[in-house]
Amino acid sequence: LQREKEIRSAVDELARLGDSPSLSVNEVLKIQLLKQTIVRNYDEALNIAQQTGDKDLVREYERRRDKTVRALQMMKR
């Protein structure tokens, strides 16, 4: 649950920065860091799900992580 909150928070911040027409170098770096944070949190959530042995939960987090990674790769910045 904590990972989910961290993911949502990072996604919200990423969306806010992504709406800006022009970004400073620091903001561009922050976007990269947020992307890494989102993926890392999904990886950690997936590891936790695997430890529970719940195959449905594992599949759900794999799906979410893969979908998120594809979306992040398609982002302009």
PDB file of N, CA and C in Angstrom:
ATOM      1  N   LEU A   1       0.831  -1.202   0.000  1.00  0.00           N
ATOM      2  CA  LEU A   1       0.000   0.000   0.000  1.00  0.00           C
ATOM      3  C   LEU A   1       0.869   1.257   0.000  1.00  0.00           C
ATOM      4  N   GLN A   2       1.960   1.216   0.761  1.00  0.00           N
ATOM      5  CA  GLN A   2       2.872   2.364   0.793  1.00  0.00           C
ATOM      6  C   GLN A   2       3.466   2.605  -0.595  1.00  0.00           C
ATOM      7  N   ARG A   3       3.832   1.538  -1.299  1.00  0.00           N
ATOM      8  CA  ARG A   3       4.399   1.673  -2.652  1.00  0.00           C
ATOM      9  C   ARG A   3       3.374   2.303  -3.587  1.00  0.00           C
ATOM     10  N   GLU A   4       2.110   1.901  -3.446  1.00  0.00           N
ATOM     11  CA  GLU A   4       1.048   2.476  -4.282  1.00  0.00           C
ATOM     12  C   GLU A   4       0.945   3.985  -4.066  1.00  0.00           C
ATOM     13  N   LYS A   5       1.018   4.412  -2.815  1.00  0.00           N
ATOM     14  CA  LYS A   5       0.945   5.842  -2.510  1.00  0.00           C
ATOM     15  C   LYS A   5       2.133   6.582  -3.109  1.00  0.00           C
ATOM     16  N   GLU A   6       3.321   5.985  -3.010  1.00  0.00           N
ATOM     17  CA  GLU A   6       4.516   6.609  -3.566  1.00  0.00           C
ATOM     18  C   GLU A   6       4.428   6.694  -5.089  1.00  0.00           C
ATOM     19  N   ILE A   7       3.894   5.659  -5.708  1.00  0.00           N
ATOM     20  CA  ILE A   7       3.724   5.656  -7.161  1.00  0.00           C
ATOM     21  C   ILE A   7       2.758   6.762  -7.569  1.00  0.00           C
ATOM     22  N   ARG A   8       1.612   6.848  -6.885  1.00  0.00           N
ATOM     23  CA  ARG A   8       0.620   7.882  -7.214  1.00  0.00           C
ATOM     24  C   ARG A   8       1.198   9.281  -7.054  1.00  0.00           C
ATOM     25  N   SER A   9       1.933   9.477  -5.982  1.00  0.00           N
ATOM     26  CA  SER A   9       2.540  10.778  -5.728  1.00  0.00           C
ATOM     27  C   SER A   9       3.534  11.141  -6.831  1.00  0.00           C
ATOM     28  N   ALA A  10       4.366  10.188  -7.231  1.00  0.00           N
ATOM     29  CA  ALA A  10       5.347  10.437  -8.287  1.00  0.00           C
ATOM     30  C   ALA A  10       4.660  10.689  -9.625  1.00  0.00           C
ATOM     31  N   VAL A  11       3.599   9.951  -9.911  1.00  0.00           N
ATOM     32  CA  VAL A  11       2.857  10.148 -11.159  1.00  0.00           C
ATOM     33  C   VAL A  11       2.210  11.531 -11.176  1.00  0.00           C
ATOM     34  N   ASP A  12       1.640  11.954 -10.061  1.00  0.00           N
ATOM     35  CA  ASP A  12       1.036  13.290  -9.978  1.00  0.00           C
ATOM     36  C   ASP A  12       2.073  14.378 -10.230  1.00  0.00           C
ATOM     37  N   GLU A  13       3.233  14.239  -9.615  1.00  0.00           N
ATOM     38  CA  GLU A  13       4.307  15.216  -9.798  1.00  0.00           C
ATOM     39  C   GLU A  13       4.806  15.204 -11.239  1.00  0.00           C
ATOM     40  N   LEU A  14       4.913  14.032 -11.825  1.00  0.00           N
ATOM     41  CA  LEU A  14       5.346  13.903 -13.213  1.00  0.00           C
ATOM     42  C   LEU A  14       4.344  14.579 -14.147  1.00  0.00           C
ATOM     43  N   ALA A  15       3.071  14.393 -13.892  1.00  0.00           N
ATOM     44  CA  ALA A  15       2.034  15.026 -14.707  1.00  0.00           C
ATOM     45  C   ALA A  15       2.094  16.544 -14.582  1.00  0.00           C
ATOM     46  N   ARG A  16       2.319  17.027 -13.380  1.00  0.00           N
ATOM     47  CA  ARG A  16       2.417  18.471 -13.168  1.00  0.00           C
ATOM     48  C   ARG A  16       3.596  19.051 -13.953  1.00  0.00           C
ATOM     49  N   LEU A  17       4.731  18.396 -13.867  1.00  0.00           N
ATOM     50  CA  LEU A  17       5.911  18.870 -14.591  1.00  0.00           C
ATOM     51  C   LEU A  17       5.730  18.724 -16.100  1.00  0.00           C
ATOM     52  N   GLY A  18       5.078  17.657 -16.510  1.00  0.00           N
ATOM     53  CA  GLY A  18       4.871  17.414 -17.933  1.00  0.00           C
ATOM     54  C   GLY A  18       3.979  18.438 -18.593  1.00  0.00           C
ATOM     55  N   ASP A  19       3.137  19.108 -17.819  1.00  0.00           N
ATOM     56  CA  ASP A  19       2.243  20.128 -18.362  1.00  0.00           C
ATOM     57  C   ASP A  19       2.941  21.459 -18.599  1.00  0.00           C
ATOM     58  N   SER A  20       4.130  21.608 -18.073  1.00  0.00           N
ATOM     59  CA  SER A  20       4.865  22.863 -18.209  1.00  0.00           C
ATOM     60  C   SER A  20       5.384  23.012 -19.639  1.00  0.00           C
ATOM     61  N   PRO A  21       5.157  24.182 -20.258  1.00  0.00           N
ATOM     62  CA  PRO A  21       5.595  24.375 -21.648  1.00  0.00           C
ATOM     63  C   PRO A  21       7.119  24.399 -21.802  1.00  0.00           C
ATOM     64  N   SER A  22       7.818  24.926 -20.809  1.00  0.00           N
ATOM     65  CA  SER A  22       9.282  24.930 -20.871  1.00  0.00           C
ATOM     66  C   SER A  22       9.819  24.533 -19.504  1.00  0.00           C
ATOM     67  N   LEU A  23      10.865  23.743 -19.523  1.00  0.00           N
ATOM     68  CA  LEU A  23      11.399  23.203 -18.279  1.00  0.00           C
ATOM     69  C   LEU A  23      12.859  23.596 -18.110  1.00  0.00           C
ATOM     70  N   SER A  24      13.240  23.807 -16.876  1.00  0.00           N
ATOM     71  CA  SER A  24      14.647  24.049 -16.568  1.00  0.00           C
ATOM     72  C   SER A  24      15.384  22.709 -16.598  1.00  0.00           C
ATOM     73  N   VAL A  25      16.693  22.779 -16.583  1.00  0.00           N
ATOM     74  CA  VAL A  25      17.499  21.557 -16.553  1.00  0.00           C
ATOM     75  C   VAL A  25      17.160  20.745 -15.308  1.00  0.00           C
ATOM     76  N   ASN A  26      16.985  21.421 -14.179  1.00  0.00           N
ATOM     77  CA  ASN A  26      16.646  20.715 -12.937  1.00  0.00           C
ATOM     78  C   ASN A  26      15.306  19.998 -13.045  1.00  0.00           C
ATOM     79  N   GLU A  27      14.345  20.620 -13.702  1.00  0.00           N
ATOM     80  CA  GLU A  27      13.030  19.989 -13.858  1.00  0.00           C
ATOM     81  C   GLU A  27      13.113  18.773 -14.785  1.00  0.00           C
ATOM     82  N   VAL A  28      13.928  18.868 -15.826  1.00  0.00           N
ATOM     83  CA  VAL A  28      14.114  17.726 -16.725  1.00  0.00           C
ATOM     84  C   VAL A  28      14.747  16.566 -15.955  1.00  0.00           C
ATOM     85  N   LEU A  29      15.745  16.879 -15.129  1.00  0.00           N
ATOM     86  CA  LEU A  29      16.377  15.844 -14.309  1.00  0.00           C
ATOM     87  C   LEU A  29      15.392  15.258 -13.303  1.00  0.00           C
ATOM     88  N   LYS A  30      14.525  16.113 -12.757  1.00  0.00           N
ATOM     89  CA  LYS A  30      13.524  15.637 -11.801  1.00  0.00           C
ATOM     90  C   LYS A  30      12.552  14.675 -12.485  1.00  0.00           C
ATOM     91  N   ILE A  31      12.189  14.964 -13.725  1.00  0.00           N
ATOM     92  CA  ILE A  31      11.307  14.071 -14.483  1.00  0.00           C
ATOM     93  C   ILE A  31      11.959  12.701 -14.634  1.00  0.00           C
ATOM     94  N   GLN A  32      13.240  12.684 -14.975  1.00  0.00           N
ATOM     95  CA  GLN A  32      13.950  11.411 -15.119  1.00  0.00           C
ATOM     96  C   GLN A  32      13.977  10.649 -13.794  1.00  0.00           C
ATOM     97  N   LEU A  33      14.218  11.373 -12.717  1.00  0.00           N
ATOM     98  CA  LEU A  33      14.246  10.752 -11.390  1.00  0.00           C
ATOM     99  C   LEU A  33      12.869  10.198 -11.014  1.00  0.00           C
ATOM    100  N   LEU A  34      11.816  10.943 -11.325  1.00  0.00           N
ATOM    101  CA  LEU A  34      10.457  10.473 -11.032  1.00  0.00           C
ATOM    102  C   LEU A  34      10.137   9.198 -11.812  1.00  0.00           C
ATOM    103  N   LYS A  35      10.545   9.154 -13.074  1.00  0.00           N
ATOM    104  CA  LYS A  35      10.322   7.949 -13.878  1.00  0.00           C
ATOM    105  C   LYS A  35      11.023   6.750 -13.243  1.00  0.00           C
ATOM    106  N   GLN A  36      12.264   6.952 -12.828  1.00  0.00           N
ATOM    107  CA  GLN A  36      13.018   5.871 -12.191  1.00  0.00           C
ATOM    108  C   GLN A  36      12.356   5.439 -10.886  1.00  0.00           C
ATOM    109  N   THR A  37      11.874   6.413 -10.132  1.00  0.00           N
ATOM    110  CA  THR A  37      11.216   6.123  -8.858  1.00  0.00           C
ATOM    111  C   THR A  37       9.949   5.297  -9.072  1.00  0.00           C
ATOM    112  N   ILE A  38       9.174   5.654 -10.080  1.00  0.00           N
ATOM    113  CA  ILE A  38       7.937   4.928 -10.378  1.00  0.00           C
ATOM    114  C   ILE A  38       8.247   3.474 -10.720  1.00  0.00           C
ATOM    115  N   VAL A  39       9.210   3.265 -11.604  1.00  0.00           N
ATOM    116  CA  VAL A  39       9.558   1.900 -12.015  1.00  0.00           C
ATOM    117  C   VAL A  39      10.121   1.114 -10.831  1.00  0.00           C
ATOM    118  N   ARG A  40      10.981   1.744 -10.043  1.00  0.00           N
ATOM    119  CA  ARG A  40      11.565   1.063  -8.880  1.00  0.00           C
ATOM    120  C   ARG A  40      10.471   0.651  -7.888  1.00  0.00           C
ATOM    121  N   ASN A  41       9.503   1.537  -7.660  1.00  0.00           N
ATOM    122  CA  ASN A  41       8.416   1.207  -6.733  1.00  0.00           C
ATOM    123  C   ASN A  41       7.557   0.062  -7.265  1.00  0.00           C
ATOM    124  N   TYR A  42       7.309   0.032  -8.578  1.00  0.00           N
ATOM    125  CA  TYR A  42       6.573  -1.102  -9.142  1.00  0.00           C
ATOM    126  C   TYR A  42       7.372  -2.388  -8.992  1.00  0.00           C
ATOM    127  N   ASP A  43       8.691  -2.320  -9.194  1.00  0.00           N
ATOM    128  CA  ASP A  43       9.527  -3.509  -9.010  1.00  0.00           C
ATOM    129  C   ASP A  43       9.457  -4.004  -7.568  1.00  0.00           C
ATOM    130  N   GLU A  44       9.516  -3.078  -6.623  1.00  0.00           N
ATOM    131  CA  GLU A  44       9.439  -3.459  -5.208  1.00  0.00           C
ATOM    132  C   GLU A  44       8.066  -4.034  -4.862  1.00  0.00           C
ATOM    133  N   ALA A  45       7.011  -3.430  -5.394  1.00  0.00           N
ATOM    134  CA  ALA A  45       5.661  -3.946  -5.154  1.00  0.00           C
ATOM    135  C   ALA A  45       5.520  -5.344  -5.752  1.00  0.00           C
ATOM    136  N   LEU A  46       6.109  -5.553  -6.921  1.00  0.00           N
ATOM    137  CA  LEU A  46       6.074  -6.867  -7.551  1.00  0.00           C
ATOM    138  C   LEU A  46       6.820  -7.893  -6.698  1.00  0.00           C
ATOM    139  N   ASN A  47       7.959  -7.513  -6.163  1.00  0.00           N
ATOM    140  CA  ASN A  47       8.709  -8.427  -5.289  1.00  0.00           C
ATOM    141  C   ASN A  47       7.900  -8.798  -4.050  1.00  0.00           C
ATOM    142  N   ILE A  48       7.218  -7.820  -3.471  1.00  0.00           N
ATOM    143  CA  ILE A  48       6.377  -8.083  -2.299  1.00  0.00           C
ATOM    144  C   ILE A  48       5.245  -9.044  -2.676  1.00  0.00           C
ATOM    145  N   ALA A  49       4.631  -8.805  -3.831  1.00  0.00           N
ATOM    146  CA  ALA A  49       3.545  -9.678  -4.286  1.00  0.00           C
ATOM    147  C   ALA A  49       4.053 -11.101  -4.505  1.00  0.00           C
ATOM    148  N   GLN A  50       5.253 -11.232  -5.056  1.00  0.00           N
ATOM    149  CA  GLN A  50       5.818 -12.566  -5.282  1.00  0.00           C
ATOM    150  C   GLN A  50       6.058 -13.290  -3.964  1.00  0.00           C
ATOM    151  N   GLN A  51       6.451 -12.558  -2.953  1.00  0.00           N
ATOM    152  CA  GLN A  51       6.696 -13.164  -1.644  1.00  0.00           C
ATOM    153  C   GLN A  51       5.410 -13.679  -1.001  1.00  0.00           C
ATOM    154  N   THR A  52       4.281 -13.064  -1.341  1.00  0.00           N
ATOM    155  CA  THR A  52       3.012 -13.525  -0.777  1.00  0.00           C
ATOM    156  C   THR A  52       2.549 -14.822  -1.422  1.00  0.00           C
ATOM    157  N   GLY A  53       3.048 -15.090  -2.626  1.00  0.00           N
ATOM    158  CA  GLY A  53       2.635 -16.294  -3.336  1.00  0.00           C
ATOM    159  C   GLY A  53       1.306 -16.148  -4.058  1.00  0.00           C
ATOM    160  N   ASP A  54       0.738 -14.949  -4.070  1.00  0.00           N
ATOM    161  CA  ASP A  54      -0.539 -14.690  -4.738  1.00  0.00           C
ATOM    162  C   ASP A  54      -0.278 -14.448  -6.229  1.00  0.00           C
ATOM    163  N   LYS A  55      -0.546 -15.457  -7.039  1.00  0.00           N
ATOM    164  CA  LYS A  55      -0.232 -15.378  -8.470  1.00  0.00           C
ATOM    165  C   LYS A  55      -1.033 -14.296  -9.184  1.00  0.00           C
ATOM    166  N   ASP A  56      -2.279 -14.098  -8.774  1.00  0.00           N
ATOM    167  CA  ASP A  56      -3.099 -13.050  -9.393  1.00  0.00           C
ATOM    168  C   ASP A  56      -2.520 -11.671  -9.108  1.00  0.00           C
ATOM    169  N   LEU A  57      -2.083 -11.463  -7.883  1.00  0.00           N
ATOM    170  CA  LEU A  57      -1.484 -10.188  -7.507  1.00  0.00           C
ATOM    171  C   LEU A  57      -0.179  -9.962  -8.268  1.00  0.00           C
ATOM    172  N   VAL A  58       0.606 -11.005  -8.418  1.00  0.00           N
ATOM    173  CA  VAL A  58       1.860 -10.911  -9.177  1.00  0.00           C
ATOM    174  C   VAL A  58       1.567 -10.513 -10.620  1.00  0.00           C
ATOM    175  N   ARG A  59       0.597 -11.174 -11.237  1.00  0.00           N
ATOM    176  CA  ARG A  59       0.235 -10.844 -12.625  1.00  0.00           C
ATOM    177  C   ARG A  59      -0.244  -9.402 -12.743  1.00  0.00           C
ATOM    178  N   GLU A  60      -1.023  -8.948 -11.769  1.00  0.00           N
ATOM    179  CA  GLU A  60      -1.532  -7.578 -11.796  1.00  0.00           C
ATOM    180  C   GLU A  60      -0.391  -6.567 -11.730  1.00  0.00           C
ATOM    181  N   TYR A  61       0.554  -6.785 -10.830  1.00  0.00           N
ATOM    182  CA  TYR A  61       1.679  -5.851 -10.728  1.00  0.00           C
ATOM    183  C   TYR A  61       2.606  -5.940 -11.940  1.00  0.00           C
ATOM    184  N   GLU A  62       2.758  -7.114 -12.516  1.00  0.00           N
ATOM    185  CA  GLU A  62       3.540  -7.227 -13.752  1.00  0.00           C
ATOM    186  C   GLU A  62       2.871  -6.431 -14.861  1.00  0.00           C
ATOM    187  N   ARG A  63       1.548  -6.561 -14.957  1.00  0.00           N
ATOM    188  CA  ARG A  63       0.795  -5.840 -15.987  1.00  0.00           C
ATOM    189  C   ARG A  63       0.923  -4.337 -15.793  1.00  0.00           C
ATOM    190  N   ARG A  64       0.728  -3.887 -14.558  1.00  0.00           N
ATOM    191  CA  ARG A  64       0.819  -2.454 -14.268  1.00  0.00           C
ATOM    192  C   ARG A  64       2.213  -1.906 -14.559  1.00  0.00           C
ATOM    193  N   ARG A  65       3.227  -2.661 -14.114  1.00  0.00           N
ATOM    194  CA  ARG A  65       4.603  -2.209 -14.332  1.00  0.00           C
ATOM    195  C   ARG A  65       4.902  -2.118 -15.824  1.00  0.00           C
ATOM    196  N   ASP A  66       4.549  -3.155 -16.576  1.00  0.00           N
ATOM    197  CA  ASP A  66       4.831  -3.165 -18.010  1.00  0.00           C
ATOM    198  C   ASP A  66       4.098  -2.040 -18.731  1.00  0.00           C
ATOM    199  N   LYS A  67       2.846  -1.834 -18.370  1.00  0.00           N
ATOM    200  CA  LYS A  67       2.052  -0.764 -18.982  1.00  0.00           C
ATOM    201  C   LYS A  67       2.656   0.603 -18.647  1.00  0.00           C
ATOM    202  N   THR A  68       3.088   0.778 -17.424  1.00  0.00           N
ATOM    203  CA  THR A  68       3.676   2.044 -16.989  1.00  0.00           C
ATOM    204  C   THR A  68       5.004   2.297 -17.687  1.00  0.00           C
ATOM    205  N   VAL A  69       5.832   1.273 -17.789  1.00  0.00           N
ATOM    206  CA  VAL A  69       7.126   1.426 -18.466  1.00  0.00           C
ATOM    207  C   VAL A  69       6.908   1.838 -19.917  1.00  0.00           C
ATOM    208  N   ARG A  70       5.963   1.216 -20.598  1.00  0.00           N
ATOM    209  CA  ARG A  70       5.675   1.598 -21.991  1.00  0.00           C
ATOM    210  C   ARG A  70       5.219   3.050 -22.076  1.00  0.00           C
ATOM    211  N   ALA A  71       4.355   3.459 -21.169  1.00  0.00           N
ATOM    212  CA  ALA A  71       3.864   4.843 -21.178  1.00  0.00           C
ATOM    213  C   ALA A  71       4.995   5.829 -20.898  1.00  0.00           C
ATOM    214  N   LEU A  72       5.864   5.505 -19.960  1.00  0.00           N
ATOM    215  CA  LEU A  72       6.978   6.396 -19.637  1.00  0.00           C
ATOM    216  C   LEU A  72       7.949   6.502 -20.807  1.00  0.00           C
ATOM    217  N   GLN A  73       8.150   5.424 -21.531  1.00  0.00           N
ATOM    218  CA  GLN A  73       9.047   5.448 -22.680  1.00  0.00           C
ATOM    219  C   GLN A  73       8.487   6.296 -23.813  1.00  0.00           C
ATOM    220  N   MET A  74       7.171   6.403 -23.889  1.00  0.00           N
ATOM    221  CA  MET A  74       6.549   7.185 -24.957  1.00  0.00           C
ATOM    222  C   MET A  74       6.491   8.677 -24.637  1.00  0.00           C
ATOM    223  N   MET A  75       6.753   9.024 -23.396  1.00  0.00           N
ATOM    224  CA  MET A  75       6.727  10.442 -23.019  1.00  0.00           C
ATOM    225  C   MET A  75       7.813  11.194 -23.771  1.00  0.00           C
ATOM    226  N   LYS A  76       7.530  12.444 -24.096  1.00  0.00           N
ATOM    227  CA  LYS A  76       8.479  13.269 -24.849  1.00  0.00           C
ATOM    228  C   LYS A  76       9.769  13.493 -24.094  1.00  0.00           C
ATOM    229  N   ARG A  77       9.664  13.724 -22.809  1.00  0.00           N
ATOM    230  CA  ARG A  77      10.849  14.116 -22.034  1.00  0.00           C
ATOM    231  C   ARG A  77      11.369  12.990 -21.204  1.00  0.00           C
TER     232      ARG A  77
END
